[in-house]
Amino acid sequence: MGIKGGLRAMERRKNMDARDVALYGLLIALAFVLSYVESLIPISFGVPGVKLGLANLAVIAALYTVGAGGAAFISLVRIVLMGFTFGTPSMILYSLAGGILSLLVMAFLKRFKVFGMVGTSVAGGAAHNIGQIAVAAAVVEQAALFAYLPVLLAAGTVAGSLIGLLGGMVVRRIRRAITR
């Protein structure tokens, strides 16, 4: 990139305008509120870890509006805020594992246009479940936890489809609002 290219990139970042700050704030708030709402909804399929993934709505919207870096920032802030506000250190660890793997998969699929938003969201949900199960199995040293994976993947497919559909609506509204 060179010195001049690096300086231009820094200059662009320094010139983040009020709309950008407001958009990031909106997406972080949306992710935080949806995480909290999700924590209030009791879901039990006999398998621990089944959730709706509502906060992923903000992450997928961020991925398609501000890019992978912005989505990673929003996801990280949401995970840390939720963990320190309502969770435990182990919850932060599991959420980080799932969130990082999910975002990597979704960013790859979006960049190479493998799927549309719904398919990308479904794959992200599956990756999130795989990341969390892998860390949980490593922490408790029990490979038997992978037996939960089929139920988690099925639930993640349904939730990912819903989140992908809703994400499309949210992205359209955000794009309309930022082009005004």
C-alpha atoms as a PDB file:
ATOM      1  CA  MET A   1       0.000   0.000   0.000  1.00  0.00           C
ATOM      2  CA  GLY A   2       2.843   2.404   0.740  1.00  0.00           C
ATOM      3  CA  ILE A   3       2.927   5.462   2.950  1.00  0.00           C
ATOM      4  CA  LYS A   4       0.692   7.590   0.721  1.00  0.00           C
ATOM      5  CA  GLY A   5      -1.944   4.857   0.449  1.00  0.00           C
ATOM      6  CA  GLY A   6      -1.918   4.360   4.224  1.00  0.00           C
ATOM      7  CA  LEU A   7      -2.302   8.084   4.794  1.00  0.00           C
ATOM      8  CA  ARG A   8      -5.256   8.232   2.406  1.00  0.00           C
ATOM      9  CA  ALA A   9      -6.924   5.329   4.251  1.00  0.00           C
ATOM     10  CA  MET A  10      -6.379   7.090   7.593  1.00  0.00           C
ATOM     11  CA  GLU A  11      -7.756  10.304   6.144  1.00  0.00           C
ATOM     12  CA  ARG A  12     -10.925   8.519   5.011  1.00  0.00           C
ATOM     13  CA  ARG A  13     -11.387   6.989   8.467  1.00  0.00           C
ATOM     14  CA  LYS A  14     -10.792  10.327  10.162  1.00  0.00           C
ATOM     15  CA  ASN A  15     -13.534  11.871   8.058  1.00  0.00           C
ATOM     16  CA  MET A  16     -16.273   9.631   9.403  1.00  0.00           C
ATOM     17  CA  ASP A  17     -19.275  11.904   9.348  1.00  0.00           C
ATOM     18  CA  ALA A  18     -22.220  12.159  11.712  1.00  0.00           C
ATOM     19  CA  ARG A  19     -24.306   9.811   9.546  1.00  0.00           C
ATOM     20  CA  ASP A  20     -21.691   7.058   9.881  1.00  0.00           C
ATOM     21  CA  VAL A  21     -21.491   7.501  13.651  1.00  0.00           C
ATOM     22  CA  ALA A  22     -25.290   7.488  13.883  1.00  0.00           C
ATOM     23  CA  LEU A  23     -25.539   4.349  11.725  1.00  0.00           C
ATOM     24  CA  TYR A  24     -23.002   2.469  13.855  1.00  0.00           C
ATOM     25  CA  GLY A  25     -24.773   3.625  17.015  1.00  0.00           C
ATOM     26  CA  LEU A  26     -28.114   2.518  15.610  1.00  0.00           C
ATOM     27  CA  LEU A  27     -26.813  -0.925  14.649  1.00  0.00           C
ATOM     28  CA  ILE A  28     -25.072  -1.426  18.016  1.00  0.00           C
ATOM     29  CA  ALA A  29     -28.231  -0.369  19.870  1.00  0.00           C
ATOM     30  CA  LEU A  30     -30.344  -2.668  17.686  1.00  0.00           C
ATOM     31  CA  ALA A  31     -28.007  -5.606  18.345  1.00  0.00           C
ATOM     32  CA  PHE A  32     -27.959  -4.910  22.097  1.00  0.00           C
ATOM     33  CA  VAL A  33     -31.744  -4.538  22.396  1.00  0.00           C
ATOM     34  CA  LEU A  34     -32.415  -7.642  20.297  1.00  0.00           C
ATOM     35  CA  SER A  35     -29.933  -9.618  22.411  1.00  0.00           C
ATOM     36  CA  TYR A  36     -31.734  -8.509  25.559  1.00  0.00           C
ATOM     37  CA  VAL A  37     -35.178  -9.315  24.121  1.00  0.00           C
ATOM     38  CA  GLU A  38     -33.912 -12.738  23.077  1.00  0.00           C
ATOM     39  CA  SER A  39     -32.651 -13.401  26.608  1.00  0.00           C
ATOM     40  CA  LEU A  40     -36.230 -12.898  27.842  1.00  0.00           C
ATOM     41  CA  ILE A  41     -37.733 -15.470  25.454  1.00  0.00           C
ATOM     42  CA  PRO A  42     -37.674 -18.971  26.949  1.00  0.00           C
ATOM     43  CA  ILE A  43     -37.009 -21.519  24.202  1.00  0.00           C
ATOM     44  CA  SER A  44     -36.470 -25.152  25.019  1.00  0.00           C
ATOM     45  CA  PHE A  45     -36.100 -27.977  22.558  1.00  0.00           C
ATOM     46  CA  GLY A  46     -34.339 -30.179  25.100  1.00  0.00           C
ATOM     47  CA  VAL A  47     -30.996 -28.980  23.753  1.00  0.00           C
ATOM     48  CA  PRO A  48     -29.027 -26.175  25.398  1.00  0.00           C
ATOM     49  CA  GLY A  49     -28.034 -23.284  23.175  1.00  0.00           C
ATOM     50  CA  VAL A  50     -31.064 -23.124  20.876  1.00  0.00           C
ATOM     51  CA  LYS A  51     -31.834 -19.452  20.321  1.00  0.00           C
ATOM     52  CA  LEU A  52     -33.511 -17.274  17.735  1.00  0.00           C
ATOM     53  CA  GLY A  53     -30.357 -15.300  16.946  1.00  0.00           C
ATOM     54  CA  LEU A  54     -32.192 -11.983  16.870  1.00  0.00           C
ATOM     55  CA  ALA A  55     -29.009  -9.940  17.356  1.00  0.00           C
ATOM     56  CA  ASN A  56     -27.676 -11.437  14.142  1.00  0.00           C
ATOM     57  CA  LEU A  57     -30.240  -9.267  12.374  1.00  0.00           C
ATOM     58  CA  ALA A  58     -28.109  -6.236  13.228  1.00  0.00           C
ATOM     59  CA  VAL A  59     -24.907  -8.049  12.249  1.00  0.00           C
ATOM     60  CA  ILE A  60     -26.195  -9.128   8.836  1.00  0.00           C
ATOM     61  CA  ALA A  61     -27.605  -5.640   8.248  1.00  0.00           C
ATOM     62  CA  ALA A  62     -24.187  -4.224   9.145  1.00  0.00           C
ATOM     63  CA  LEU A  63     -22.419  -6.667   6.831  1.00  0.00           C
ATOM     64  CA  TYR A  64     -24.549  -5.508   3.905  1.00  0.00           C
ATOM     65  CA  THR A  65     -24.443  -1.774   4.738  1.00  0.00           C
ATOM     66  CA  VAL A  66     -21.080  -0.970   6.362  1.00  0.00           C
ATOM     67  CA  GLY A  67     -19.047  -4.046   5.383  1.00  0.00           C
ATOM     68  CA  ALA A  68     -17.278  -6.866   7.183  1.00  0.00           C
ATOM     69  CA  GLY A  69     -15.070  -4.647   9.361  1.00  0.00           C
ATOM     70  CA  GLY A  70     -18.020  -2.632  10.629  1.00  0.00           C
ATOM     71  CA  ALA A  71     -20.056  -5.787  11.182  1.00  0.00           C
ATOM     72  CA  ALA A  72     -17.178  -7.281  13.187  1.00  0.00           C
ATOM     73  CA  PHE A  73     -16.979  -4.143  15.339  1.00  0.00           C
ATOM     74  CA  ILE A  74     -20.737  -4.131  15.947  1.00  0.00           C
ATOM     75  CA  SER A  75     -20.759  -7.844  16.770  1.00  0.00           C
ATOM     76  CA  LEU A  76     -17.830  -7.517  19.169  1.00  0.00           C
ATOM     77  CA  VAL A  77     -19.357  -4.535  20.981  1.00  0.00           C
ATOM     78  CA  ARG A  78     -22.679  -6.356  21.290  1.00  0.00           C
ATOM     79  CA  ILE A  79     -21.083  -9.526  22.660  1.00  0.00           C
ATOM     80  CA  VAL A  80     -19.006  -7.647  25.226  1.00  0.00           C
ATOM     81  CA  LEU A  81     -21.906  -5.407  26.304  1.00  0.00           C
ATOM     82  CA  MET A  82     -24.273  -8.348  26.694  1.00  0.00           C
ATOM     83  CA  GLY A  83     -21.682 -10.472  28.444  1.00  0.00           C
ATOM     84  CA  PHE A  84     -20.808  -7.832  31.015  1.00  0.00           C
ATOM     85  CA  THR A  85     -24.381  -6.625  31.455  1.00  0.00           C
ATOM     86  CA  PHE A  86     -26.362  -9.861  31.578  1.00  0.00           C
ATOM     87  CA  GLY A  87     -23.968 -12.764  31.174  1.00  0.00           C
ATOM     88  CA  THR A  88     -20.877 -14.521  32.372  1.00  0.00           C
ATOM     89  CA  PRO A  89     -17.297 -14.812  31.130  1.00  0.00           C
ATOM     90  CA  SER A  90     -18.088 -18.232  29.676  1.00  0.00           C
ATOM     91  CA  MET A  91     -21.027 -16.736  27.773  1.00  0.00           C
ATOM     92  CA  ILE A  92     -18.665 -14.154  26.284  1.00  0.00           C
ATOM     93  CA  LEU A  93     -16.253 -16.918  25.262  1.00  0.00           C
ATOM     94  CA  TYR A  94     -18.960 -19.000  23.559  1.00  0.00           C
ATOM     95  CA  SER A  95     -20.500 -15.954  21.898  1.00  0.00           C
ATOM     96  CA  LEU A  96     -17.127 -14.771  20.618  1.00  0.00           C
ATOM     97  CA  ALA A  97     -16.349 -18.192  19.151  1.00  0.00           C
ATOM     98  CA  GLY A  98     -19.702 -18.398  17.405  1.00  0.00           C
ATOM     99  CA  GLY A  99     -19.697 -14.752  16.370  1.00  0.00           C
ATOM    100  CA  ILE A 100     -16.200 -14.811  14.874  1.00  0.00           C
ATOM    101  CA  LEU A 101     -16.748 -18.020  12.909  1.00  0.00           C
ATOM    102  CA  SER A 102     -20.179 -16.856  11.769  1.00  0.00           C
ATOM    103  CA  LEU A 103     -18.892 -13.493  10.573  1.00  0.00           C
ATOM    104  CA  LEU A 104     -15.931 -15.038   8.750  1.00  0.00           C
ATOM    105  CA  VAL A 105     -18.245 -17.415   6.884  1.00  0.00           C
ATOM    106  CA  MET A 106     -20.804 -14.710   6.079  1.00  0.00           C
ATOM    107  CA  ALA A 107     -18.152 -12.223   4.921  1.00  0.00           C
ATOM    108  CA  PHE A 108     -16.630 -14.859   2.634  1.00  0.00           C
ATOM    109  CA  LEU A 109     -20.001 -15.845   1.168  1.00  0.00           C
ATOM    110  CA  LYS A 110     -21.010 -12.225   0.622  1.00  0.00           C
ATOM    111  CA  ARG A 111     -17.671 -11.223  -0.897  1.00  0.00           C
ATOM    112  CA  PHE A 112     -17.708 -14.050  -3.426  1.00  0.00           C
ATOM    113  CA  LYS A 113     -21.483 -13.803  -3.984  1.00  0.00           C
ATOM    114  CA  VAL A 114     -22.006 -17.483  -3.189  1.00  0.00           C
ATOM    115  CA  PHE A 115     -25.503 -16.942  -1.735  1.00  0.00           C
ATOM    116  CA  GLY A 116     -27.965 -14.132  -1.307  1.00  0.00           C
ATOM    117  CA  MET A 117     -28.655 -12.619   2.087  1.00  0.00           C
ATOM    118  CA  VAL A 118     -30.883 -15.483   3.266  1.00  0.00           C
ATOM    119  CA  GLY A 119     -28.372 -18.196   2.332  1.00  0.00           C
ATOM    120  CA  THR A 120     -25.548 -16.184   3.855  1.00  0.00           C
ATOM    121  CA  SER A 121     -27.548 -15.774   7.064  1.00  0.00           C
ATOM    122  CA  VAL A 122     -28.342 -19.514   7.215  1.00  0.00           C
ATOM    123  CA  ALA A 123     -24.663 -20.378   6.751  1.00  0.00           C
ATOM    124  CA  GLY A 124     -23.757 -17.819   9.415  1.00  0.00           C
ATOM    125  CA  GLY A 125     -26.230 -19.391  11.840  1.00  0.00           C
ATOM    126  CA  ALA A 126     -24.770 -22.839  11.188  1.00  0.00           C
ATOM    127  CA  ALA A 127     -21.224 -21.544  11.622  1.00  0.00           C
ATOM    128  CA  HIS A 128     -22.219 -19.827  14.875  1.00  0.00           C
ATOM    129  CA  ASN A 129     -23.565 -23.108  16.268  1.00  0.00           C
ATOM    130  CA  ILE A 130     -20.483 -25.038  15.143  1.00  0.00           C
ATOM    131  CA  GLY A 131     -18.175 -22.449  16.740  1.00  0.00           C
ATOM    132  CA  GLN A 132     -20.024 -22.534  20.040  1.00  0.00           C
ATOM    133  CA  ILE A 133     -20.202 -26.336  20.191  1.00  0.00           C
ATOM    134  CA  ALA A 134     -16.496 -26.642  19.327  1.00  0.00           C
ATOM    135  CA  VAL A 135     -15.500 -24.277  22.146  1.00  0.00           C
ATOM    136  CA  ALA A 136     -17.914 -25.908  24.609  1.00  0.00           C
ATOM    137  CA  ALA A 137     -16.550 -29.372  23.734  1.00  0.00           C
ATOM    138  CA  ALA A 138     -12.991 -28.111  24.210  1.00  0.00           C
ATOM    139  CA  VAL A 139     -13.777 -26.396  27.524  1.00  0.00           C
ATOM    140  CA  VAL A 140     -15.562 -29.359  29.101  1.00  0.00           C
ATOM    141  CA  GLU A 141     -13.426 -31.897  27.217  1.00  0.00           C
ATOM    142  CA  GLN A 142     -16.491 -33.776  25.971  1.00  0.00           C
ATOM    143  CA  ALA A 143     -16.756 -34.539  22.265  1.00  0.00           C
ATOM    144  CA  ALA A 144     -20.216 -35.922  23.057  1.00  0.00           C
ATOM    145  CA  LEU A 145     -21.515 -32.341  22.905  1.00  0.00           C
ATOM    146  CA  PHE A 146     -21.362 -32.617  19.113  1.00  0.00           C
ATOM    147  CA  ALA A 147     -24.430 -34.862  19.419  1.00  0.00           C
ATOM    148  CA  TYR A 148     -26.419 -31.630  19.917  1.00  0.00           C
ATOM    149  CA  LEU A 149     -25.246 -30.311  16.558  1.00  0.00           C
ATOM    150  CA  PRO A 150     -28.047 -31.736  14.339  1.00  0.00           C
ATOM    151  CA  VAL A 151     -30.762 -30.078  16.439  1.00  0.00           C
ATOM    152  CA  LEU A 152     -28.772 -26.830  16.639  1.00  0.00           C
ATOM    153  CA  LEU A 153     -28.176 -26.824  12.886  1.00  0.00           C
ATOM    154  CA  ALA A 154     -31.869 -27.433  12.164  1.00  0.00           C
ATOM    155  CA  ALA A 155     -32.895 -24.630  14.511  1.00  0.00           C
ATOM    156  CA  GLY A 156     -30.132 -22.422  13.092  1.00  0.00           C
ATOM    157  CA  THR A 157     -31.389 -23.012   9.547  1.00  0.00           C
ATOM    158  CA  VAL A 158     -34.903 -21.901  10.443  1.00  0.00           C
ATOM    159  CA  ALA A 159     -33.707 -18.920  12.475  1.00  0.00           C
ATOM    160  CA  GLY A 160     -31.090 -17.995   9.852  1.00  0.00           C
ATOM    161  CA  SER A 161     -33.754 -17.990   7.135  1.00  0.00           C
ATOM    162  CA  LEU A 162     -35.982 -15.688   9.160  1.00  0.00           C
ATOM    163  CA  ILE A 163     -33.085 -13.392  10.068  1.00  0.00           C
ATOM    164  CA  GLY A 164     -31.967 -13.283   6.420  1.00  0.00           C
ATOM    165  CA  LEU A 165     -35.463 -12.301   5.252  1.00  0.00           C
ATOM    166  CA  LEU A 166     -35.806  -9.630   7.931  1.00  0.00           C
ATOM    167  CA  GLY A 167     -32.251  -8.487   7.216  1.00  0.00           C
ATOM    168  CA  GLY A 168     -33.221  -7.737   3.630  1.00  0.00           C
ATOM    169  CA  MET A 169     -36.008  -5.469   4.848  1.00  0.00           C
ATOM    170  CA  VAL A 170     -33.761  -3.710   7.348  1.00  0.00           C
ATOM    171  CA  VAL A 171     -30.980  -3.182   4.773  1.00  0.00           C
ATOM    172  CA  ARG A 172     -33.424  -1.658   2.274  1.00  0.00           C
ATOM    173  CA  ARG A 173     -34.664   0.780   4.903  1.00  0.00           C
ATOM    174  CA  ILE A 174     -31.152   1.675   6.048  1.00  0.00           C
ATOM    175  CA  ARG A 175     -29.989   2.285   2.482  1.00  0.00           C
ATOM    176  CA  ARG A 176     -33.002   4.494   1.831  1.00  0.00           C
ATOM    177  CA  ALA A 177     -32.310   6.474   4.998  1.00  0.00           C
ATOM    178  CA  ILE A 178     -28.596   7.017   4.293  1.00  0.00           C
ATOM    179  CA  THR A 179     -29.123   8.116   0.712  1.00  0.00           C
ATOM    180  CA  ARG A 180     -31.387  10.997   1.753  1.00  0.00           C
END
